[in-house]
Amino acid sequence: MTDASPALLLLLSLGLCCPGAQGQRNMVTAKFYNSKTTHPQSGKPLELECTNSQDSGVSWIRQDKAGTLHFIVYISALSKPTFEGNQMTSSHFGTLKSGKSYRLVVKSFKAQDEGVYFCTVNFNQALYFSSGLHVFFPVTTTAAPVTTVPPTTQSSQVTKRDVCLQSHEAETSKEKKLNFFCEIFIWVPLAGACFLLLIALVITIVLCQKTRRRRCRCNRPANGKPKMKPKVPSQQI
């Protein structure tokens, strides 16, 4: 099976969109040959049936999951099949015709055969398409594994609490060390400045006391006025 040409895609779009084809789509129907079949089985044969009310030639086309069209076979009204590449036989597909029933047989269904199958009829210069027949393996749902969470014991809680306390104590000890160093850098300069101010104050007090003592040693008269030297009269010639 090879990818179909753009002509097949155009034909399919015409068959699905054109009003003429929509109006007489009931003349072509595609279904599982066995009414009990709902899904194909891997490695087993599968028969699809196309019923044509006009009993004219039928073509089978498959559309894969990616939307690509694949031509499979054309079955004439005389039961003559023509497979891809104008081959009369196929190792993977087979055909059967009985009256107006045109059957496609997939000899060993595989994953690559999954898709939407259409049968088409060309009648009175009009192309008619059947409704798409979905042929896919059944979807298998797997239950998610249940993960059990082990219960937390008191010992594990205690160890976690101890770890938290130890980490908190380590952080507080680091903060105390940092605060101690900060206090040293702040208080030592302040203490030195205060000590220098104290020394300057002491020196100032001592100097003031010495100047006062010197002033107090000078002799003063009893009345408090300084002694005046007598004036010598000037001699006149």
C-alpha atoms as a PDB file:
ATOM      1  CA  MET A   1       0.000   0.000   0.000  1.00  0.00           C
ATOM      2  CA  THR A   2       1.317   3.373  -0.931  1.00  0.00           C
ATOM      3  CA  ASP A   3       0.152   6.923  -0.311  1.00  0.00           C
ATOM      4  CA  ALA A   4      -2.645   7.993  -2.589  1.00  0.00           C
ATOM      5  CA  SER A   5      -2.255  10.749  -5.124  1.00  0.00           C
ATOM      6  CA  PRO A   6      -3.907  14.147  -4.638  1.00  0.00           C
ATOM      7  CA  ALA A   7      -6.575  12.999  -7.058  1.00  0.00           C
ATOM      8  CA  LEU A   8      -7.909  10.551  -4.474  1.00  0.00           C
ATOM      9  CA  LEU A   9      -8.089  13.297  -1.865  1.00  0.00           C
ATOM     10  CA  LEU A  10      -9.931  15.497  -4.336  1.00  0.00           C
ATOM     11  CA  LEU A  11     -12.362  12.719  -5.131  1.00  0.00           C
ATOM     12  CA  LEU A  12     -13.012  12.082  -1.471  1.00  0.00           C
ATOM     13  CA  SER A  13     -13.640  15.759  -0.790  1.00  0.00           C
ATOM     14  CA  LEU A  14     -15.981  15.972  -3.750  1.00  0.00           C
ATOM     15  CA  GLY A  15     -17.901  12.951  -2.567  1.00  0.00           C
ATOM     16  CA  LEU A  16     -18.287  14.331   0.945  1.00  0.00           C
ATOM     17  CA  CYS A  17     -19.078  17.928  -0.035  1.00  0.00           C
ATOM     18  CA  CYS A  18     -20.976  17.878  -3.317  1.00  0.00           C
ATOM     19  CA  PRO A  19     -24.805  18.046  -2.959  1.00  0.00           C
ATOM     20  CA  GLY A  20     -25.334  15.462  -5.663  1.00  0.00           C
ATOM     21  CA  ALA A  21     -23.234  12.896  -3.860  1.00  0.00           C
ATOM     22  CA  GLN A  22     -24.864  13.719  -0.529  1.00  0.00           C
ATOM     23  CA  GLY A  23     -28.301  13.218  -1.943  1.00  0.00           C
ATOM     24  CA  GLN A  24     -27.689   9.650  -3.123  1.00  0.00           C
ATOM     25  CA  ARG A  25     -25.148   8.466  -0.580  1.00  0.00           C
ATOM     26  CA  ASN A  26     -27.591   5.765   0.558  1.00  0.00           C
ATOM     27  CA  MET A  27     -26.879   3.889  -2.697  1.00  0.00           C
ATOM     28  CA  VAL A  28     -23.418   2.919  -1.278  1.00  0.00           C
ATOM     29  CA  THR A  29     -22.959   1.531   2.230  1.00  0.00           C
ATOM     30  CA  ALA A  30     -19.888   0.057   3.948  1.00  0.00           C
ATOM     31  CA  LYS A  31     -20.042  -2.194   7.008  1.00  0.00           C
ATOM     32  CA  PHE A  32     -18.482  -5.226   8.664  1.00  0.00           C
ATOM     33  CA  TYR A  33     -19.517  -8.413   6.847  1.00  0.00           C
ATOM     34  CA  ASN A  34     -20.091 -10.152  10.183  1.00  0.00           C
ATOM     35  CA  SER A  35     -22.685  -8.151  12.082  1.00  0.00           C
ATOM     36  CA  LYS A  36     -21.174  -9.295  15.394  1.00  0.00           C
ATOM     37  CA  THR A  37     -17.783  -7.795  14.550  1.00  0.00           C
ATOM     38  CA  THR A  38     -17.075  -4.405  16.119  1.00  0.00           C
ATOM     39  CA  HIS A  39     -13.264  -4.337  16.108  1.00  0.00           C
ATOM     40  CA  PRO A  40     -10.566  -6.177  14.187  1.00  0.00           C
ATOM     41  CA  GLN A  41      -8.321  -8.724  15.859  1.00  0.00           C
ATOM     42  CA  SER A  42      -4.586  -8.644  15.336  1.00  0.00           C
ATOM     43  CA  GLY A  43      -3.320 -11.345  12.968  1.00  0.00           C
ATOM     44  CA  LYS A  44      -6.797 -12.564  12.038  1.00  0.00           C
ATOM     45  CA  PRO A  45      -8.749 -12.044   8.790  1.00  0.00           C
ATOM     46  CA  LEU A  46     -11.327  -9.288   8.525  1.00  0.00           C
ATOM     47  CA  GLU A  47     -14.111  -8.920   5.927  1.00  0.00           C
ATOM     48  CA  LEU A  48     -15.684  -5.598   4.984  1.00  0.00           C
ATOM     49  CA  GLU A  49     -18.798  -5.412   2.796  1.00  0.00           C
ATOM     50  CA  CYS A  50     -19.830  -2.651   0.397  1.00  0.00           C
ATOM     51  CA  THR A  51     -23.374  -2.746  -0.921  1.00  0.00           C
ATOM     52  CA  ASN A  52     -24.017  -1.013  -4.251  1.00  0.00           C
ATOM     53  CA  SER A  53     -27.624  -0.554  -5.254  1.00  0.00           C
ATOM     54  CA  GLN A  54     -26.652  -0.011  -8.900  1.00  0.00           C
ATOM     55  CA  ASP A  55     -24.450  -3.131  -9.094  1.00  0.00           C
ATOM     56  CA  SER A  56     -21.555  -1.282 -10.712  1.00  0.00           C
ATOM     57  CA  GLY A  57     -17.843  -1.351  -9.979  1.00  0.00           C
ATOM     58  CA  VAL A  58     -16.658  -0.456  -6.460  1.00  0.00           C
ATOM     59  CA  SER A  59     -13.341   0.920  -5.174  1.00  0.00           C
ATOM     60  CA  TRP A  60     -12.030   0.495  -1.630  1.00  0.00           C
ATOM     61  CA  ILE A  61     -10.015   3.334  -0.065  1.00  0.00           C
ATOM     62  CA  ARG A  62      -8.444   3.595   3.399  1.00  0.00           C
ATOM     63  CA  GLN A  63      -7.708   6.814   5.285  1.00  0.00           C
ATOM     64  CA  ASP A  64      -5.013   6.349   7.931  1.00  0.00           C
ATOM     65  CA  LYS A  65      -4.674   8.170  11.272  1.00  0.00           C
ATOM     66  CA  ALA A  66      -2.645  10.934   9.661  1.00  0.00           C
ATOM     67  CA  GLY A  67      -5.406  11.630   7.118  1.00  0.00           C
ATOM     68  CA  THR A  68      -3.537  10.139   4.143  1.00  0.00           C
ATOM     69  CA  LEU A  69      -5.620   8.233   1.602  1.00  0.00           C
ATOM     70  CA  HIS A  70      -4.548   4.790   0.339  1.00  0.00           C
ATOM     71  CA  PHE A  71      -6.080   3.070  -2.691  1.00  0.00           C
ATOM     72  CA  ILE A  72      -6.634  -0.629  -2.033  1.00  0.00           C
ATOM     73  CA  VAL A  73      -8.565  -2.249  -4.859  1.00  0.00           C
ATOM     74  CA  TYR A  74     -11.152  -1.741  -7.584  1.00  0.00           C
ATOM     75  CA  ILE A  75     -13.720  -4.528  -8.010  1.00  0.00           C
ATOM     76  CA  SER A  76     -15.579  -4.535 -11.307  1.00  0.00           C
ATOM     77  CA  ALA A  77     -19.167  -5.683 -11.817  1.00  0.00           C
ATOM     78  CA  LEU A  78     -17.685  -8.874 -13.304  1.00  0.00           C
ATOM     79  CA  SER A  79     -15.823  -9.638 -10.003  1.00  0.00           C
ATOM     80  CA  LYS A  80     -12.467  -8.712 -11.521  1.00  0.00           C
ATOM     81  CA  PRO A  81     -10.165  -7.035  -8.920  1.00  0.00           C
ATOM     82  CA  THR A  82      -7.459  -4.513  -9.765  1.00  0.00           C
ATOM     83  CA  PHE A  83      -5.080  -3.760  -6.907  1.00  0.00           C
ATOM     84  CA  GLU A  84      -2.536  -0.991  -6.562  1.00  0.00           C
ATOM     85  CA  GLY A  85      -0.061  -0.981  -9.427  1.00  0.00           C
ATOM     86  CA  ASN A  86      -2.615  -2.647 -11.770  1.00  0.00           C
ATOM     87  CA  GLN A  87      -1.965  -5.972 -10.031  1.00  0.00           C
ATOM     88  CA  MET A  88      -4.588  -8.706 -10.278  1.00  0.00           C
ATOM     89  CA  THR A  89      -3.667 -10.322  -6.973  1.00  0.00           C
ATOM     90  CA  SER A  90      -2.420  -9.227  -3.582  1.00  0.00           C
ATOM     91  CA  SER A  91      -0.697 -11.114  -0.810  1.00  0.00           C
ATOM     92  CA  HIS A  92      -2.379  -9.023   1.881  1.00  0.00           C
ATOM     93  CA  PHE A  93      -5.885  -8.421   0.458  1.00  0.00           C
ATOM     94  CA  GLY A  94      -8.580 -10.474  -1.183  1.00  0.00           C
ATOM     95  CA  THR A  95     -11.944  -9.740  -2.820  1.00  0.00           C
ATOM     96  CA  LEU A  96     -15.317 -11.462  -3.077  1.00  0.00           C
ATOM     97  CA  LYS A  97     -18.464 -10.503  -4.996  1.00  0.00           C
ATOM     98  CA  SER A  98     -21.929 -11.819  -4.548  1.00  0.00           C
ATOM     99  CA  GLY A  99     -24.751  -9.965  -6.305  1.00  0.00           C
ATOM    100  CA  LYS A 100     -24.586  -6.326  -5.208  1.00  0.00           C
ATOM    101  CA  SER A 101     -22.225  -7.126  -2.325  1.00  0.00           C
ATOM    102  CA  TYR A 102     -18.545  -6.295  -2.863  1.00  0.00           C
ATOM    103  CA  ARG A 103     -16.331  -7.627  -0.063  1.00  0.00           C
ATOM    104  CA  LEU A 104     -12.800  -6.668   0.883  1.00  0.00           C
ATOM    105  CA  VAL A 105     -10.875  -9.304   2.817  1.00  0.00           C
ATOM    106  CA  VAL A 106      -7.853  -8.347   4.917  1.00  0.00           C
ATOM    107  CA  LYS A 107      -6.082 -11.683   5.241  1.00  0.00           C
ATOM    108  CA  SER A 108      -4.077 -10.832   8.381  1.00  0.00           C
ATOM    109  CA  PHE A 109      -5.081  -7.578  10.036  1.00  0.00           C
ATOM    110  CA  LYS A 110      -2.172  -5.523  11.405  1.00  0.00           C
ATOM    111  CA  ALA A 111      -1.725  -2.154  13.048  1.00  0.00           C
ATOM    112  CA  GLN A 112      -0.845  -0.599   9.696  1.00  0.00           C
ATOM    113  CA  ASP A 113      -4.307  -1.583   8.406  1.00  0.00           C
ATOM    114  CA  GLU A 114      -6.128   0.578  10.945  1.00  0.00           C
ATOM    115  CA  GLY A 115      -8.053   3.542   9.587  1.00  0.00           C
ATOM    116  CA  VAL A 116     -11.366   4.702   8.120  1.00  0.00           C
ATOM    117  CA  TYR A 117     -12.505   2.621   5.132  1.00  0.00           C
ATOM    118  CA  PHE A 118     -14.623   4.010   2.275  1.00  0.00           C
ATOM    119  CA  CYS A 119     -16.103   2.371  -0.788  1.00  0.00           C
ATOM    120  CA  THR A 120     -16.815   4.513  -3.838  1.00  0.00           C
ATOM    121  CA  VAL A 121     -19.025   4.052  -6.894  1.00  0.00           C
ATOM    122  CA  ASN A 122     -18.801   5.912 -10.188  1.00  0.00           C
ATOM    123  CA  PHE A 123     -22.305   6.008 -11.690  1.00  0.00           C
ATOM    124  CA  ASN A 124     -23.681   8.284 -14.439  1.00  0.00           C
ATOM    125  CA  GLN A 125     -20.564  10.459 -14.342  1.00  0.00           C
ATOM    126  CA  ALA A 126     -21.017  11.021 -10.592  1.00  0.00           C
ATOM    127  CA  LEU A 127     -18.868   9.700  -7.781  1.00  0.00           C
ATOM    128  CA  TYR A 128     -20.621   8.385  -4.683  1.00  0.00           C
ATOM    129  CA  PHE A 129     -18.995   7.652  -1.356  1.00  0.00           C
ATOM    130  CA  SER A 130     -20.140   5.508   1.504  1.00  0.00           C
ATOM    131  CA  SER A 131     -19.963   6.705   5.077  1.00  0.00           C
ATOM    132  CA  GLY A 132     -16.608   6.108   6.700  1.00  0.00           C
ATOM    133  CA  LEU A 133     -16.234   2.742   8.441  1.00  0.00           C
ATOM    134  CA  HIS A 134     -13.926   3.065  11.450  1.00  0.00           C
ATOM    135  CA  VAL A 135     -11.719   0.013  11.724  1.00  0.00           C
ATOM    136  CA  PHE A 136      -9.432   0.246  14.766  1.00  0.00           C
ATOM    137  CA  PHE A 137      -8.238  -2.033  17.508  1.00  0.00           C
ATOM    138  CA  PRO A 138     -10.199  -1.722  20.754  1.00  0.00           C
ATOM    139  CA  VAL A 139      -8.770   0.813  23.160  1.00  0.00           C
ATOM    140  CA  THR A 140      -7.287  -0.914  26.178  1.00  0.00           C
ATOM    141  CA  THR A 141      -7.303   1.080  29.393  1.00  0.00           C
ATOM    142  CA  THR A 142      -4.721   0.157  31.997  1.00  0.00           C
ATOM    143  CA  ALA A 143      -5.385   0.980  35.610  1.00  0.00           C
ATOM    144  CA  ALA A 144      -2.870   3.275  37.162  1.00  0.00           C
ATOM    145  CA  PRO A 145      -0.727   1.625  39.841  1.00  0.00           C
ATOM    146  CA  VAL A 146      -1.849   2.438  43.360  1.00  0.00           C
ATOM    147  CA  THR A 147       0.965   3.872  45.429  1.00  0.00           C
ATOM    148  CA  THR A 148       0.634   3.354  49.170  1.00  0.00           C
ATOM    149  CA  VAL A 149       2.130   6.004  51.402  1.00  0.00           C
ATOM    150  CA  PRO A 150       3.741   4.478  54.515  1.00  0.00           C
ATOM    151  CA  PRO A 151       2.297   5.849  57.767  1.00  0.00           C
ATOM    152  CA  THR A 152       4.466   8.318  59.630  1.00  0.00           C
ATOM    153  CA  THR A 153       5.585   7.013  63.008  1.00  0.00           C
ATOM    154  CA  GLN A 154       6.284   9.023  66.125  1.00  0.00           C
ATOM    155  CA  SER A 155      10.004   8.301  65.911  1.00  0.00           C
ATOM    156  CA  SER A 156      10.203   9.824  62.440  1.00  0.00           C
ATOM    157  CA  GLN A 157       8.314  12.879  63.659  1.00  0.00           C
ATOM    158  CA  VAL A 158      10.659  13.234  66.619  1.00  0.00           C
ATOM    159  CA  THR A 159      13.728  13.008  64.428  1.00  0.00           C
ATOM    160  CA  LYS A 160      12.343  15.636  62.079  1.00  0.00           C
ATOM    161  CA  ARG A 161      11.568  17.911  65.015  1.00  0.00           C
ATOM    162  CA  ASP A 162      15.054  17.398  66.426  1.00  0.00           C
ATOM    163  CA  VAL A 163      16.607  18.232  63.082  1.00  0.00           C
ATOM    164  CA  CYS A 164      14.540  21.419  62.883  1.00  0.00           C
ATOM    165  CA  LEU A 165      15.549  22.412  66.423  1.00  0.00           C
ATOM    166  CA  GLN A 166      19.212  21.750  65.723  1.00  0.00           C
ATOM    167  CA  SER A 167      19.115  23.813  62.561  1.00  0.00           C
ATOM    168  CA  HIS A 168      17.326  26.637  64.428  1.00  0.00           C
ATOM    169  CA  GLU A 169      19.905  26.556  67.224  1.00  0.00           C
ATOM    170  CA  ALA A 170      22.741  26.654  64.711  1.00  0.00           C
ATOM    171  CA  GLU A 171      21.178  29.687  63.049  1.00  0.00           C
ATOM    172  CA  THR A 172      20.695  31.470  66.382  1.00  0.00           C
ATOM    173  CA  SER A 173      24.314  30.778  67.393  1.00  0.00           C
ATOM    174  CA  LYS A 174      25.516  32.262  64.115  1.00  0.00           C
ATOM    175  CA  GLU A 175      23.347  35.331  64.684  1.00  0.00           C
ATOM    176  CA  LYS A 176      24.754  35.743  68.202  1.00  0.00           C
ATOM    177  CA  LYS A 177      28.324  35.588  66.897  1.00  0.00           C
ATOM    178  CA  LEU A 178      27.567  38.180  64.251  1.00  0.00           C
ATOM    179  CA  ASN A 179      25.889  40.432  66.821  1.00  0.00           C
ATOM    180  CA  PHE A 180      28.903  40.072  69.144  1.00  0.00           C
ATOM    181  CA  PHE A 181      31.334  41.131  66.425  1.00  0.00           C
ATOM    182  CA  CYS A 182      29.101  44.039  65.471  1.00  0.00           C
ATOM    183  CA  GLU A 183      28.948  45.179  69.079  1.00  0.00           C
ATOM    184  CA  ILE A 184      32.742  45.028  69.343  1.00  0.00           C
ATOM    185  CA  PHE A 185      33.186  47.179  66.242  1.00  0.00           C
ATOM    186  CA  ILE A 186      30.673  49.703  67.581  1.00  0.00           C
ATOM    187  CA  TRP A 187      31.482  49.891  71.293  1.00  0.00           C
ATOM    188  CA  VAL A 188      35.293  49.783  71.170  1.00  0.00           C
ATOM    189  CA  PRO A 189      35.607  53.050  69.173  1.00  0.00           C
ATOM    190  CA  LEU A 190      32.994  54.669  71.373  1.00  0.00           C
ATOM    191  CA  ALA A 191      34.826  53.606  74.536  1.00  0.00           C
ATOM    192  CA  GLY A 192      38.120  54.919  73.139  1.00  0.00           C
ATOM    193  CA  ALA A 193      36.542  58.260  72.280  1.00  0.00           C
ATOM    194  CA  CYS A 194      35.045  58.554  75.757  1.00  0.00           C
ATOM    195  CA  PHE A 195      38.407  57.745  77.334  1.00  0.00           C
ATOM    196  CA  LEU A 196      40.125  60.456  75.274  1.00  0.00           C
ATOM    197  CA  LEU A 197      37.458  62.970  76.261  1.00  0.00           C
ATOM    198  CA  LEU A 198      37.937  62.061  79.921  1.00  0.00           C
ATOM    199  CA  ILE A 199      41.715  62.573  79.688  1.00  0.00           C
ATOM    200  CA  ALA A 200      41.212  65.954  77.986  1.00  0.00           C
ATOM    201  CA  LEU A 201      38.776  66.968  80.706  1.00  0.00           C
ATOM    202  CA  VAL A 202      41.232  66.012  83.466  1.00  0.00           C
ATOM    203  CA  ILE A 203      44.058  67.907  81.795  1.00  0.00           C
ATOM    204  CA  THR A 204      41.837  70.968  81.444  1.00  0.00           C
ATOM    205  CA  ILE A 205      40.873  70.860  85.131  1.00  0.00           C
ATOM    206  CA  VAL A 206      44.510  70.544  86.248  1.00  0.00           C
ATOM    207  CA  LEU A 207      45.623  73.493  84.096  1.00  0.00           C
ATOM    208  CA  CYS A 208      42.823  75.668  85.416  1.00  0.00           C
ATOM    209  CA  GLN A 209      43.815  74.955  89.017  1.00  0.00           C
ATOM    210  CA  LYS A 210      47.463  75.886  88.349  1.00  0.00           C
ATOM    211  CA  THR A 211      46.540  79.273  86.846  1.00  0.00           C
ATOM    212  CA  ARG A 212      44.345  80.068  89.845  1.00  0.00           C
ATOM    213  CA  ARG A 213      47.181  79.364  92.301  1.00  0.00           C
ATOM    214  CA  ARG A 214      49.548  81.677  90.444  1.00  0.00           C
ATOM    215  CA  ARG A 215      47.074  84.513  90.597  1.00  0.00           C
ATOM    216  CA  CYS A 216      46.499  84.074  94.340  1.00  0.00           C
ATOM    217  CA  ARG A 217      50.256  84.433  95.265  1.00  0.00           C
ATOM    218  CA  CYS A 218      50.477  88.203  94.301  1.00  0.00           C
ATOM    219  CA  ASN A 219      50.649  90.716  97.346  1.00  0.00           C
ATOM    220  CA  ARG A 220      47.866  93.251  97.626  1.00  0.00           C
ATOM    221  CA  PRO A 221      47.499  96.292 100.070  1.00  0.00           C
ATOM    222  CA  ALA A 222      45.142  96.208 102.943  1.00  0.00           C
ATOM    223  CA  ASN A 223      42.795  98.751 101.420  1.00  0.00           C
ATOM    224  CA  GLY A 224      42.886  96.927  98.239  1.00  0.00           C
ATOM    225  CA  LYS A 225      44.467  99.714  96.199  1.00  0.00           C
ATOM    226  CA  PRO A 226      47.933  99.446  94.753  1.00  0.00           C
ATOM    227  CA  LYS A 227      50.689 101.616  96.167  1.00  0.00           C
ATOM    228  CA  MET A 228      51.490 104.758  94.157  1.00  0.00           C
ATOM    229  CA  LYS A 229      55.012 106.139  93.889  1.00  0.00           C
ATOM    230  CA  PRO A 230      55.340 109.756  95.163  1.00  0.00           C
ATOM    231  CA  LYS A 231      55.749 112.357  92.508  1.00  0.00           C
ATOM    232  CA  VAL A 232      59.052 114.219  92.473  1.00  0.00           C
ATOM    233  CA  PRO A 233      58.575 117.945  91.853  1.00  0.00           C
ATOM    234  CA  SER A 234      60.337 119.198  88.836  1.00  0.00           C
ATOM    235  CA  GLN A 235      63.109 121.690  89.451  1.00  0.00           C
ATOM    236  CA  GLN A 236      62.696 125.042  87.799  1.00  0.00           C
ATOM    237  CA  ILE A 237      65.801 126.921  86.642  1.00  0.00           C
END
